[in-house]
Amino acid sequence: MNEEKLSFERNLFIILFFVFWFSDLGSLFFERPDSIQIIILAGFLYITYRLSHFLKQQIWLTILYCTGQFFVFGSIIVFIGLMINVRNMRLKLREGSI
């Protein structure tokens, strides 16, 4: 793991998170088929699992993050938690403790 790969994973998470989040918020105002909702939720779960697994989080924390994605505003808490973990990982990389 290096800073370039960490930055790539973080940027990918941020972009896809907001794409899925705005799509999910749009479903509050417009009727969408259930299949679209399932795709949006699956996307949330995949990007959350991918970043959490990349950061080598404990399995219970990954499960907690993925469970938080089932709620529209719970996903914001997950977003903030993962961004804090990315920052901590970046600090560890700069210190050379990883």
N, C-alpha and C. Protein backbone atom coordinates (compact mmCIF):
# COMPACT_ATOMS: atom_id res chain seq x y z
N MET A 1 0.85 -1.17 0.00
CA MET A 1 0.00 0.00 0.00
C MET A 1 0.90 1.23 0.00
N ASN A 2 0.57 2.19 -0.86
CA ASN A 2 1.28 3.46 -0.88
C ASN A 2 0.26 4.59 -0.97
N GLU A 3 0.77 5.82 -0.92
CA GLU A 3 -0.14 6.96 -0.90
C GLU A 3 -0.90 7.13 -2.20
N GLU A 4 -0.28 6.79 -3.33
CA GLU A 4 -0.97 6.92 -4.61
C GLU A 4 -2.17 5.98 -4.69
N LYS A 5 -1.98 4.75 -4.27
CA LYS A 5 -3.07 3.79 -4.30
C LYS A 5 -4.17 4.18 -3.30
N LEU A 6 -3.75 4.67 -2.14
CA LEU A 6 -4.72 5.13 -1.14
C LEU A 6 -5.53 6.31 -1.68
N SER A 7 -4.87 7.25 -2.35
CA SER A 7 -5.57 8.40 -2.94
C SER A 7 -6.54 7.95 -4.02
N PHE A 8 -6.12 6.98 -4.85
CA PHE A 8 -6.99 6.48 -5.90
C PHE A 8 -8.24 5.84 -5.31
N GLU A 9 -8.07 4.99 -4.29
CA GLU A 9 -9.22 4.33 -3.67
C GLU A 9 -10.14 5.35 -3.00
N ARG A 10 -9.56 6.35 -2.35
CA ARG A 10 -10.36 7.39 -1.71
C ARG A 10 -11.16 8.18 -2.74
N ASN A 11 -10.50 8.59 -3.81
CA ASN A 11 -11.19 9.38 -4.85
C ASN A 11 -12.28 8.56 -5.52
N LEU A 12 -12.02 7.30 -5.79
CA LEU A 12 -13.03 6.43 -6.38
C LEU A 12 -14.23 6.30 -5.45
N PHE A 13 -13.96 6.12 -4.16
CA PHE A 13 -15.04 6.02 -3.18
C PHE A 13 -15.86 7.30 -3.15
N ILE A 14 -15.20 8.44 -3.12
CA ILE A 14 -15.92 9.72 -3.03
C ILE A 14 -16.81 9.93 -4.26
N ILE A 15 -16.27 9.70 -5.43
CA ILE A 15 -17.05 9.92 -6.66
C ILE A 15 -18.25 8.98 -6.71
N LEU A 16 -18.01 7.68 -6.51
CA LEU A 16 -19.11 6.72 -6.59
C LEU A 16 -20.11 6.91 -5.46
N PHE A 17 -19.62 7.29 -4.28
CA PHE A 17 -20.52 7.52 -3.15
C PHE A 17 -21.54 8.60 -3.50
N PHE A 18 -21.07 9.73 -4.03
CA PHE A 18 -22.00 10.81 -4.33
C PHE A 18 -22.90 10.48 -5.52
N VAL A 19 -22.40 9.73 -6.48
CA VAL A 19 -23.26 9.30 -7.59
C VAL A 19 -24.41 8.45 -7.05
N PHE A 20 -24.08 7.47 -6.20
CA PHE A 20 -25.12 6.60 -5.65
C PHE A 20 -26.01 7.36 -4.66
N TRP A 21 -25.43 8.27 -3.89
CA TRP A 21 -26.20 8.99 -2.89
C TRP A 21 -27.23 9.91 -3.54
N PHE A 22 -26.81 10.66 -4.57
CA PHE A 22 -27.75 11.53 -5.26
C PHE A 22 -28.80 10.71 -6.01
N SER A 23 -28.40 9.55 -6.52
CA SER A 23 -29.39 8.67 -7.16
C SER A 23 -30.40 8.18 -6.14
N ASP A 24 -29.92 7.88 -4.95
CA ASP A 24 -30.81 7.42 -3.89
C ASP A 24 -31.73 8.54 -3.42
N LEU A 25 -31.21 9.75 -3.30
CA LEU A 25 -32.06 10.88 -2.91
C LEU A 25 -33.09 11.18 -3.99
N GLY A 26 -32.72 10.97 -5.24
CA GLY A 26 -33.67 11.19 -6.33
C GLY A 26 -34.85 10.26 -6.25
N SER A 27 -34.64 9.09 -5.66
CA SER A 27 -35.75 8.14 -5.55
C SER A 27 -36.78 8.59 -4.51
N LEU A 28 -36.43 9.56 -3.68
CA LEU A 28 -37.41 10.11 -2.75
C LEU A 28 -38.45 10.96 -3.47
N PHE A 29 -38.06 11.53 -4.62
CA PHE A 29 -38.94 12.43 -5.35
C PHE A 29 -39.56 11.80 -6.58
N PHE A 30 -38.90 10.80 -7.13
CA PHE A 30 -39.37 10.15 -8.35
C PHE A 30 -39.53 8.66 -8.10
N GLU A 31 -40.57 8.11 -8.66
CA GLU A 31 -40.82 6.66 -8.52
C GLU A 31 -39.84 5.91 -9.40
N ARG A 32 -39.15 4.96 -8.83
CA ARG A 32 -38.19 4.14 -9.57
C ARG A 32 -38.52 2.68 -9.39
N PRO A 33 -38.18 1.87 -10.37
CA PRO A 33 -38.40 0.41 -10.20
C PRO A 33 -37.52 -0.14 -9.07
N ASP A 34 -37.98 -1.21 -8.48
CA ASP A 34 -37.22 -1.82 -7.39
C ASP A 34 -35.85 -2.29 -7.84
N SER A 35 -35.72 -2.69 -9.09
CA SER A 35 -34.43 -3.16 -9.58
C SER A 35 -33.37 -2.05 -9.54
N ILE A 36 -33.78 -0.82 -9.79
CA ILE A 36 -32.85 0.31 -9.72
C ILE A 36 -32.43 0.54 -8.28
N GLN A 37 -33.36 0.45 -7.35
CA GLN A 37 -33.02 0.61 -5.94
C GLN A 37 -32.04 -0.47 -5.47
N ILE A 38 -32.23 -1.68 -5.95
CA ILE A 38 -31.32 -2.77 -5.58
C ILE A 38 -29.93 -2.51 -6.14
N ILE A 39 -29.85 -2.00 -7.36
CA ILE A 39 -28.55 -1.69 -7.96
C ILE A 39 -27.85 -0.58 -7.18
N ILE A 40 -28.59 0.44 -6.77
CA ILE A 40 -28.01 1.53 -5.99
C ILE A 40 -27.49 1.00 -4.65
N LEU A 41 -28.27 0.19 -3.96
CA LEU A 41 -27.84 -0.36 -2.68
C LEU A 41 -26.63 -1.28 -2.86
N ALA A 42 -26.64 -2.09 -3.90
CA ALA A 42 -25.49 -2.97 -4.17
C ALA A 42 -24.24 -2.15 -4.45
N GLY A 43 -24.40 -1.03 -5.15
CA GLY A 43 -23.25 -0.15 -5.40
C GLY A 43 -22.70 0.43 -4.12
N PHE A 44 -23.60 0.89 -3.24
CA PHE A 44 -23.17 1.39 -1.94
C PHE A 44 -22.39 0.33 -1.17
N LEU A 45 -22.94 -0.86 -1.12
CA LEU A 45 -22.30 -1.93 -0.36
C LEU A 45 -20.94 -2.29 -0.95
N TYR A 46 -20.85 -2.32 -2.28
CA TYR A 46 -19.58 -2.69 -2.92
C TYR A 46 -18.50 -1.66 -2.63
N ILE A 47 -18.81 -0.36 -2.82
CA ILE A 47 -17.76 0.64 -2.61
C ILE A 47 -17.37 0.74 -1.14
N THR A 48 -18.32 0.52 -0.25
CA THR A 48 -18.01 0.54 1.18
C THR A 48 -17.12 -0.64 1.55
N TYR A 49 -17.49 -1.82 1.07
CA TYR A 49 -16.68 -3.01 1.36
C TYR A 49 -15.29 -2.86 0.75
N ARG A 50 -15.21 -2.35 -0.46
CA ARG A 50 -13.92 -2.23 -1.15
C ARG A 50 -12.95 -1.34 -0.38
N LEU A 51 -13.42 -0.15 0.03
CA LEU A 51 -12.52 0.77 0.75
C LEU A 51 -12.21 0.22 2.14
N SER A 52 -13.18 -0.33 2.82
CA SER A 52 -12.95 -0.86 4.16
C SER A 52 -11.97 -2.03 4.11
N HIS A 53 -12.10 -2.88 3.11
CA HIS A 53 -11.19 -4.01 2.95
C HIS A 53 -9.78 -3.52 2.59
N PHE A 54 -9.70 -2.48 1.75
CA PHE A 54 -8.42 -1.91 1.37
C PHE A 54 -7.70 -1.32 2.58
N LEU A 55 -8.47 -0.71 3.48
CA LEU A 55 -7.89 -0.12 4.69
C LEU A 55 -7.58 -1.15 5.76
N LYS A 56 -7.89 -2.41 5.47
CA LYS A 56 -7.66 -3.53 6.40
C LYS A 56 -8.40 -3.32 7.73
N GLN A 57 -9.67 -2.90 7.60
CA GLN A 57 -10.52 -2.73 8.78
C GLN A 57 -10.89 -4.10 9.35
N GLN A 58 -11.23 -4.13 10.62
CA GLN A 58 -11.70 -5.37 11.23
C GLN A 58 -13.05 -5.73 10.62
N ILE A 59 -13.36 -7.01 10.59
CA ILE A 59 -14.57 -7.48 9.91
C ILE A 59 -15.84 -6.91 10.54
N TRP A 60 -15.86 -6.75 11.86
CA TRP A 60 -17.06 -6.23 12.50
C TRP A 60 -17.30 -4.78 12.10
N LEU A 61 -16.22 -4.02 11.88
CA LEU A 61 -16.36 -2.63 11.47
C LEU A 61 -16.84 -2.55 10.02
N THR A 62 -16.35 -3.45 9.18
CA THR A 62 -16.81 -3.50 7.79
C THR A 62 -18.30 -3.83 7.74
N ILE A 63 -18.74 -4.79 8.56
CA ILE A 63 -20.16 -5.15 8.61
C ILE A 63 -20.99 -3.96 9.11
N LEU A 64 -20.48 -3.26 10.11
CA LEU A 64 -21.18 -2.08 10.63
C LEU A 64 -21.30 -0.99 9.56
N TYR A 65 -20.22 -0.77 8.81
CA TYR A 65 -20.26 0.22 7.73
C TYR A 65 -21.28 -0.19 6.66
N CYS A 66 -21.26 -1.45 6.28
CA CYS A 66 -22.20 -1.91 5.23
C CYS A 66 -23.64 -1.84 5.71
N THR A 67 -23.88 -2.10 6.98
CA THR A 67 -25.23 -2.00 7.53
C THR A 67 -25.71 -0.54 7.53
N GLY A 68 -24.81 0.38 7.80
CA GLY A 68 -25.17 1.80 7.79
C GLY A 68 -25.60 2.30 6.43
N GLN A 69 -25.19 1.61 5.37
CA GLN A 69 -25.55 2.03 4.03
C GLN A 69 -27.02 1.81 3.71
N PHE A 70 -27.73 1.05 4.53
CA PHE A 70 -29.15 0.80 4.27
C PHE A 70 -30.02 2.02 4.57
N PHE A 71 -29.46 3.03 5.22
CA PHE A 71 -30.20 4.22 5.59
C PHE A 71 -29.63 5.41 4.82
N VAL A 72 -30.50 6.28 4.34
CA VAL A 72 -30.06 7.41 3.51
C VAL A 72 -29.08 8.29 4.28
N PHE A 73 -29.41 8.66 5.50
CA PHE A 73 -28.51 9.53 6.24
C PHE A 73 -27.50 8.75 7.06
N GLY A 74 -27.70 7.46 7.21
CA GLY A 74 -26.67 6.61 7.82
C GLY A 74 -25.46 6.50 6.93
N SER A 75 -25.68 6.64 5.63
CA SER A 75 -24.56 6.55 4.69
C SER A 75 -23.61 7.73 4.86
N ILE A 76 -24.11 8.87 5.29
CA ILE A 76 -23.24 10.02 5.54
C ILE A 76 -22.31 9.72 6.72
N ILE A 77 -22.83 9.06 7.74
CA ILE A 77 -22.00 8.68 8.89
C ILE A 77 -20.92 7.71 8.45
N VAL A 78 -21.28 6.76 7.59
CA VAL A 78 -20.30 5.81 7.06
C VAL A 78 -19.25 6.55 6.24
N PHE A 79 -19.67 7.51 5.44
CA PHE A 79 -18.74 8.30 4.62
C PHE A 79 -17.72 9.01 5.51
N ILE A 80 -18.20 9.67 6.54
CA ILE A 80 -17.31 10.40 7.45
C ILE A 80 -16.36 9.44 8.15
N GLY A 81 -16.88 8.30 8.62
CA GLY A 81 -16.03 7.32 9.30
C GLY A 81 -14.92 6.79 8.40
N LEU A 82 -15.25 6.48 7.16
CA LEU A 82 -14.23 5.98 6.25
C LEU A 82 -13.21 7.06 5.87
N MET A 83 -13.66 8.30 5.74
CA MET A 83 -12.71 9.38 5.43
C MET A 83 -11.75 9.62 6.60
N ILE A 84 -12.23 9.47 7.82
CA ILE A 84 -11.34 9.59 8.98
C ILE A 84 -10.32 8.45 8.97
N ASN A 85 -10.76 7.24 8.62
CA ASN A 85 -9.84 6.12 8.56
C ASN A 85 -8.82 6.28 7.44
N VAL A 86 -9.21 6.87 6.32
CA VAL A 86 -8.26 7.15 5.24
C VAL A 86 -7.20 8.14 5.71
N ARG A 87 -7.64 9.16 6.42
CA ARG A 87 -6.69 10.15 6.94
C ARG A 87 -5.71 9.51 7.92
N ASN A 88 -6.22 8.64 8.80
CA ASN A 88 -5.34 7.96 9.76
C ASN A 88 -4.35 7.05 9.06
N MET A 89 -4.81 6.36 8.01
CA MET A 89 -3.92 5.48 7.25
C MET A 89 -2.85 6.30 6.54
N ARG A 90 -3.23 7.45 6.02
CA ARG A 90 -2.24 8.32 5.35
C ARG A 90 -1.19 8.80 6.34
N LEU A 91 -1.60 9.15 7.56
CA LEU A 91 -0.64 9.56 8.58
C LEU A 91 0.31 8.42 8.93
N LYS A 92 -0.22 7.21 9.02
CA LYS A 92 0.63 6.05 9.31
C LYS A 92 1.63 5.80 8.18
N LEU A 93 1.18 5.99 6.95
CA LEU A 93 2.09 5.80 5.80
C LEU A 93 3.21 6.83 5.82
N ARG A 94 2.88 8.05 6.16
CA ARG A 94 3.91 9.11 6.21
C ARG A 94 4.90 8.88 7.34
N GLU A 95 4.42 8.35 8.46
CA GLU A 95 5.32 8.05 9.57
C GLU A 95 6.17 6.82 9.30
N GLY A 96 5.71 6.00 8.37
CA GLY A 96 6.44 4.78 8.05
C GLY A 96 6.14 3.63 8.99
N SER A 97 5.03 3.71 9.71
CA SER A 97 4.69 2.64 10.66
C SER A 97 3.94 1.49 9.99
N ILE A 98 3.72 1.58 8.68
CA ILE A 98 3.07 0.48 7.96
C ILE A 98 4.05 -0.10 6.98
